[in-house]
């Protein structure tokens, strides 16, 4: 057995995949926001956005969002609590916008 073998995390594999397949990021963004709309798991959403920012380049994303690299990483950490304005700026920096979608409401609401 190899005692010092370093295994990559799923997040690292995902980041590498998006670096090599940037055309897949659009669908991924849609999926993570759809999942967030269903379960409200902010930490998962932020973590997923952090992976995208790493694939696109953290420094470039931070600069385009008007943030420091450290500020971007903190905002997109699983325990981050970024302001709405920060999330909007980060999304714009990555080439996306936040867009409302009408929900189907049960009758009587």
N, C-alpha and C. Protein backbone atom coordinates (compact mmCIF):
# COMPACT_ATOMS: atom_id res chain seq x y z
N UNK A 1 0.84 -1.19 0.00
CA UNK A 1 0.00 0.00 0.00
C UNK A 1 0.88 1.25 0.00
N UNK A 2 0.32 2.28 -0.59
CA UNK A 2 1.01 3.56 -0.61
C UNK A 2 0.47 4.43 0.52
N UNK A 3 1.31 4.67 1.49
CA UNK A 3 0.86 5.44 2.66
C UNK A 3 0.75 6.94 2.36
N UNK A 4 1.56 7.42 1.45
CA UNK A 4 1.61 8.86 1.20
C UNK A 4 0.87 9.26 -0.08
N UNK A 5 -0.01 8.43 -0.54
CA UNK A 5 -0.77 8.74 -1.74
C UNK A 5 -1.74 9.88 -1.44
N UNK A 6 -1.72 10.88 -2.30
CA UNK A 6 -2.63 12.01 -2.13
C UNK A 6 -3.78 11.86 -3.12
N UNK A 7 -4.96 11.77 -2.60
CA UNK A 7 -6.15 11.66 -3.43
C UNK A 7 -6.76 13.03 -3.65
N UNK A 8 -7.26 13.24 -4.84
CA UNK A 8 -7.92 14.51 -5.14
C UNK A 8 -9.36 14.47 -4.65
N UNK A 9 -9.85 15.63 -4.28
CA UNK A 9 -11.24 15.73 -3.85
C UNK A 9 -12.14 15.83 -5.08
N UNK A 10 -13.42 15.60 -4.88
CA UNK A 10 -14.38 15.74 -5.97
C UNK A 10 -14.33 17.17 -6.51
N UNK A 11 -14.22 18.13 -5.61
CA UNK A 11 -14.16 19.54 -6.02
C UNK A 11 -12.97 19.82 -6.92
N UNK A 12 -11.82 19.24 -6.60
CA UNK A 12 -10.63 19.43 -7.43
C UNK A 12 -10.81 18.81 -8.82
N UNK A 13 -11.44 17.66 -8.86
CA UNK A 13 -11.70 16.99 -10.13
C UNK A 13 -12.68 17.82 -10.96
N UNK A 14 -13.70 18.34 -10.29
CA UNK A 14 -14.70 19.16 -10.97
C UNK A 14 -14.08 20.43 -11.54
N UNK A 15 -13.21 21.09 -10.75
CA UNK A 15 -12.53 22.30 -11.22
C UNK A 15 -11.69 22.00 -12.46
N UNK A 16 -10.95 20.92 -12.42
CA UNK A 16 -10.12 20.54 -13.57
C UNK A 16 -10.99 20.27 -14.79
N UNK A 17 -12.11 19.60 -14.57
CA UNK A 17 -13.03 19.32 -15.68
C UNK A 17 -13.50 20.61 -16.33
N UNK A 18 -13.92 21.59 -15.52
CA UNK A 18 -14.42 22.85 -16.06
C UNK A 18 -13.32 23.66 -16.73
N UNK A 19 -12.09 23.55 -16.26
CA UNK A 19 -10.97 24.22 -16.94
C UNK A 19 -10.79 23.64 -18.34
N UNK A 20 -10.97 22.32 -18.46
CA UNK A 20 -10.80 21.64 -19.74
C UNK A 20 -12.05 21.65 -20.61
N UNK A 21 -13.20 21.92 -20.01
CA UNK A 21 -14.48 21.92 -20.72
C UNK A 21 -15.31 23.15 -20.31
N UNK A 22 -14.84 24.36 -20.61
CA UNK A 22 -15.57 25.56 -20.17
C UNK A 22 -16.98 25.66 -20.75
N UNK A 23 -17.23 24.97 -21.84
CA UNK A 23 -18.56 25.01 -22.44
C UNK A 23 -19.61 24.35 -21.56
N UNK A 24 -19.18 23.57 -20.58
CA UNK A 24 -20.09 22.89 -19.67
C UNK A 24 -20.53 23.77 -18.49
N UNK A 25 -19.86 24.90 -18.31
CA UNK A 25 -20.14 25.75 -17.15
C UNK A 25 -21.55 26.33 -17.20
N UNK A 26 -22.02 26.70 -18.38
CA UNK A 26 -23.37 27.29 -18.49
C UNK A 26 -24.43 26.36 -17.90
N UNK A 27 -24.40 25.10 -18.31
CA UNK A 27 -25.38 24.14 -17.79
C UNK A 27 -25.20 23.94 -16.29
N UNK A 28 -23.96 23.90 -15.84
CA UNK A 28 -23.66 23.70 -14.41
C UNK A 28 -24.25 24.84 -13.58
N UNK A 29 -24.07 26.07 -14.06
CA UNK A 29 -24.62 27.25 -13.35
C UNK A 29 -26.14 27.10 -13.23
N UNK A 30 -26.80 26.73 -14.31
CA UNK A 30 -28.26 26.55 -14.28
C UNK A 30 -28.65 25.48 -13.27
N UNK A 31 -27.93 24.38 -13.28
CA UNK A 31 -28.24 23.27 -12.37
C UNK A 31 -28.05 23.67 -10.92
N UNK A 32 -26.94 24.34 -10.59
CA UNK A 32 -26.71 24.67 -9.18
C UNK A 32 -27.74 25.67 -8.66
N UNK A 33 -28.19 26.58 -9.52
CA UNK A 33 -29.23 27.52 -9.08
C UNK A 33 -30.58 26.83 -8.98
N UNK A 34 -30.86 25.88 -9.87
CA UNK A 34 -32.11 25.10 -9.75
C UNK A 34 -32.12 24.31 -8.45
N UNK A 35 -31.00 23.69 -8.13
CA UNK A 35 -30.90 22.92 -6.88
C UNK A 35 -31.04 23.83 -5.67
N UNK A 36 -30.42 25.01 -5.74
CA UNK A 36 -30.53 25.97 -4.64
C UNK A 36 -31.99 26.40 -4.45
N UNK A 37 -32.71 26.60 -5.56
CA UNK A 37 -34.12 26.99 -5.48
C UNK A 37 -34.95 25.92 -4.78
N UNK A 38 -34.56 24.66 -4.94
CA UNK A 38 -35.29 23.56 -4.33
C UNK A 38 -34.95 23.35 -2.86
N UNK A 39 -33.64 23.41 -2.54
CA UNK A 39 -33.24 23.03 -1.17
C UNK A 39 -32.73 24.18 -0.31
N UNK A 40 -32.43 25.33 -0.90
CA UNK A 40 -31.99 26.48 -0.13
C UNK A 40 -30.64 26.31 0.55
N UNK A 41 -29.83 25.38 0.08
CA UNK A 41 -28.52 25.12 0.68
C UNK A 41 -27.50 26.14 0.18
N UNK A 42 -27.38 27.24 0.91
CA UNK A 42 -26.50 28.33 0.51
C UNK A 42 -25.05 27.89 0.43
N UNK A 43 -24.60 27.10 1.40
CA UNK A 43 -23.21 26.64 1.41
C UNK A 43 -22.85 25.85 0.18
N UNK A 44 -23.76 25.02 -0.28
CA UNK A 44 -23.53 24.21 -1.48
C UNK A 44 -23.45 25.12 -2.71
N UNK A 45 -24.35 26.09 -2.79
CA UNK A 45 -24.34 27.02 -3.91
C UNK A 45 -23.03 27.80 -3.95
N UNK A 46 -22.63 28.35 -2.82
CA UNK A 46 -21.40 29.14 -2.76
C UNK A 46 -20.18 28.30 -3.10
N UNK A 47 -20.14 27.09 -2.58
CA UNK A 47 -19.04 26.18 -2.86
C UNK A 47 -18.96 25.87 -4.36
N UNK A 48 -20.11 25.67 -4.98
CA UNK A 48 -20.15 25.40 -6.41
C UNK A 48 -19.69 26.61 -7.21
N UNK A 49 -20.10 27.80 -6.81
CA UNK A 49 -19.66 29.02 -7.48
C UNK A 49 -18.15 29.22 -7.29
N UNK A 50 -17.63 28.81 -6.15
CA UNK A 50 -16.19 28.90 -5.90
C UNK A 50 -15.43 28.02 -6.91
N UNK A 51 -15.95 26.82 -7.18
CA UNK A 51 -15.32 25.94 -8.16
C UNK A 51 -15.31 26.58 -9.54
N UNK A 52 -16.41 27.22 -9.90
CA UNK A 52 -16.48 27.90 -11.20
C UNK A 52 -15.47 29.05 -11.24
N UNK A 53 -15.38 29.81 -10.15
CA UNK A 53 -14.43 30.93 -10.12
C UNK A 53 -13.00 30.42 -10.25
N UNK A 54 -12.70 29.27 -9.67
CA UNK A 54 -11.36 28.69 -9.80
C UNK A 54 -11.11 28.25 -11.23
N UNK A 55 -12.11 27.68 -11.87
CA UNK A 55 -11.95 27.25 -13.26
C UNK A 55 -11.75 28.45 -14.18
N UNK A 56 -12.41 29.56 -13.87
CA UNK A 56 -12.30 30.76 -14.69
C UNK A 56 -11.11 31.63 -14.29
N UNK A 57 -10.55 31.36 -13.13
CA UNK A 57 -9.43 32.15 -12.62
C UNK A 57 -9.88 33.05 -11.49
N UNK A 58 -9.45 32.73 -10.27
CA UNK A 58 -9.90 33.47 -9.09
C UNK A 58 -9.48 34.93 -9.16
N UNK A 59 -8.23 35.18 -9.50
CA UNK A 59 -7.74 36.56 -9.52
C UNK A 59 -8.50 37.40 -10.53
N UNK A 60 -8.68 36.88 -11.73
CA UNK A 60 -9.41 37.62 -12.78
C UNK A 60 -10.86 37.84 -12.37
N UNK A 61 -11.49 36.83 -11.79
CA UNK A 61 -12.88 36.95 -11.35
C UNK A 61 -13.00 38.00 -10.25
N UNK A 62 -12.08 37.94 -9.29
CA UNK A 62 -12.10 38.90 -8.18
C UNK A 62 -11.93 40.33 -8.69
N UNK A 63 -10.97 40.52 -9.58
CA UNK A 63 -10.73 41.86 -10.11
C UNK A 63 -11.96 42.38 -10.86
N UNK A 64 -12.56 41.53 -11.69
CA UNK A 64 -13.74 41.94 -12.45
C UNK A 64 -14.93 42.24 -11.55
N UNK A 65 -14.97 41.58 -10.39
CA UNK A 65 -16.06 41.80 -9.43
C UNK A 65 -15.77 42.97 -8.49
N UNK A 66 -14.59 43.56 -8.60
CA UNK A 66 -14.22 44.67 -7.73
C UNK A 66 -13.90 44.21 -6.32
N UNK A 67 -13.34 43.01 -6.21
CA UNK A 67 -13.03 42.42 -4.91
C UNK A 67 -11.57 42.00 -4.89
N UNK A 68 -11.08 41.72 -3.71
CA UNK A 68 -9.76 41.11 -3.61
C UNK A 68 -9.92 39.60 -3.80
N UNK A 69 -8.82 38.95 -4.10
CA UNK A 69 -8.84 37.49 -4.24
C UNK A 69 -9.33 36.85 -2.93
N UNK A 70 -8.79 37.33 -1.82
CA UNK A 70 -9.18 36.80 -0.51
C UNK A 70 -10.64 37.06 -0.22
N UNK A 71 -11.12 38.25 -0.60
CA UNK A 71 -12.53 38.60 -0.38
C UNK A 71 -13.46 37.70 -1.17
N UNK A 72 -13.06 37.38 -2.41
CA UNK A 72 -13.86 36.49 -3.25
C UNK A 72 -13.90 35.09 -2.63
N UNK A 73 -12.74 34.60 -2.22
CA UNK A 73 -12.69 33.27 -1.62
C UNK A 73 -13.50 33.20 -0.34
N UNK A 74 -13.46 34.26 0.45
CA UNK A 74 -14.25 34.29 1.69
C UNK A 74 -15.74 34.32 1.38
N UNK A 75 -16.13 35.15 0.42
CA UNK A 75 -17.54 35.26 0.06
C UNK A 75 -18.09 33.94 -0.46
N UNK A 76 -17.27 33.17 -1.18
CA UNK A 76 -17.72 31.92 -1.77
C UNK A 76 -17.35 30.69 -0.96
N UNK A 77 -16.96 30.91 0.30
CA UNK A 77 -16.68 29.76 1.15
C UNK A 77 -18.01 29.15 1.60
N UNK A 78 -17.98 27.91 2.03
CA UNK A 78 -19.21 27.24 2.45
C UNK A 78 -19.90 27.95 3.60
N UNK A 79 -19.12 28.68 4.39
CA UNK A 79 -19.70 29.42 5.51
C UNK A 79 -19.79 30.90 5.21
N UNK A 80 -19.57 31.25 3.94
CA UNK A 80 -19.64 32.65 3.53
C UNK A 80 -21.06 33.18 3.66
N UNK A 81 -21.15 34.47 3.82
CA UNK A 81 -22.45 35.12 3.91
C UNK A 81 -22.36 36.43 3.13
N UNK A 82 -22.16 36.30 1.80
CA UNK A 82 -21.94 37.52 1.02
C UNK A 82 -23.21 38.34 0.87
N UNK A 83 -23.02 39.63 0.69
CA UNK A 83 -24.15 40.51 0.41
C UNK A 83 -24.67 40.20 -0.99
N UNK A 84 -25.91 40.54 -1.20
CA UNK A 84 -26.53 40.33 -2.51
C UNK A 84 -25.71 41.03 -3.60
N UNK A 85 -25.24 42.24 -3.30
CA UNK A 85 -24.46 43.00 -4.27
C UNK A 85 -23.18 42.25 -4.64
N UNK A 86 -22.58 41.57 -3.68
CA UNK A 86 -21.36 40.81 -3.95
C UNK A 86 -21.65 39.62 -4.85
N UNK A 87 -22.72 38.90 -4.57
CA UNK A 87 -23.09 37.76 -5.40
C UNK A 87 -23.37 38.24 -6.82
N UNK A 88 -24.09 39.34 -6.95
CA UNK A 88 -24.39 39.89 -8.27
C UNK A 88 -23.11 40.27 -9.00
N UNK A 89 -22.18 40.93 -8.32
CA UNK A 89 -20.91 41.32 -8.94
C UNK A 89 -20.09 40.10 -9.35
N UNK A 90 -20.08 39.08 -8.51
CA UNK A 90 -19.34 37.85 -8.83
C UNK A 90 -19.95 37.17 -10.05
N UNK A 91 -21.26 37.09 -10.09
CA UNK A 91 -21.93 36.46 -11.23
C UNK A 91 -21.61 37.23 -12.52
N UNK A 92 -21.66 38.56 -12.46
CA UNK A 92 -21.33 39.37 -13.63
C UNK A 92 -19.89 39.14 -14.05
N UNK A 93 -18.99 39.06 -13.09
CA UNK A 93 -17.57 38.85 -13.37
C UNK A 93 -17.34 37.50 -14.06
N UNK A 94 -18.18 36.52 -13.75
CA UNK A 94 -18.05 35.20 -14.37
C UNK A 94 -18.83 35.11 -15.68
N UNK A 95 -19.53 36.20 -16.04
CA UNK A 95 -20.25 36.23 -17.31
C UNK A 95 -21.71 35.83 -17.22
N UNK A 96 -22.31 35.98 -16.06
CA UNK A 96 -23.70 35.58 -15.86
C UNK A 96 -24.46 36.69 -15.15
N UNK A 97 -25.76 36.58 -15.13
CA UNK A 97 -26.58 37.52 -14.38
C UNK A 97 -27.62 36.73 -13.60
N UNK A 98 -28.07 37.34 -12.55
CA UNK A 98 -29.15 36.76 -11.76
C UNK A 98 -30.45 37.15 -12.46
N UNK A 99 -31.29 36.19 -12.69
CA UNK A 99 -32.51 36.44 -13.45
C UNK A 99 -33.69 35.80 -12.73
N UNK A 100 -34.72 36.58 -12.44
CA UNK A 100 -35.88 35.99 -11.77
C UNK A 100 -36.65 35.05 -12.70
N UNK A 101 -37.24 34.07 -12.10
CA UNK A 101 -38.07 33.12 -12.84
C UNK A 101 -39.37 32.95 -12.07
N UNK A 102 -40.48 33.08 -12.75
CA UNK A 102 -41.78 32.96 -12.10
C UNK A 102 -41.99 31.53 -11.60
N UNK A 103 -42.44 31.43 -10.38
CA UNK A 103 -42.75 30.14 -9.78
C UNK A 103 -44.20 29.78 -10.02
N UNK A 104 -44.48 28.52 -10.18
CA UNK A 104 -45.85 28.05 -10.27
C UNK A 104 -46.39 27.98 -8.85
N UNK A 105 -47.42 28.73 -8.56
CA UNK A 105 -47.99 28.78 -7.22
C UNK A 105 -49.28 27.98 -7.18
N UNK A 106 -49.52 27.30 -6.06
CA UNK A 106 -50.78 26.57 -5.92
C UNK A 106 -51.97 27.55 -5.99
N UNK A 107 -53.10 27.05 -6.41
CA UNK A 107 -54.31 27.88 -6.51
C UNK A 107 -54.63 28.49 -5.15
N UNK A 108 -55.07 29.72 -5.15
CA UNK A 108 -55.45 30.39 -3.92
C UNK A 108 -54.33 31.20 -3.29
N UNK A 109 -53.19 31.24 -3.88
CA UNK A 109 -52.07 32.01 -3.32
C UNK A 109 -51.87 33.27 -4.08
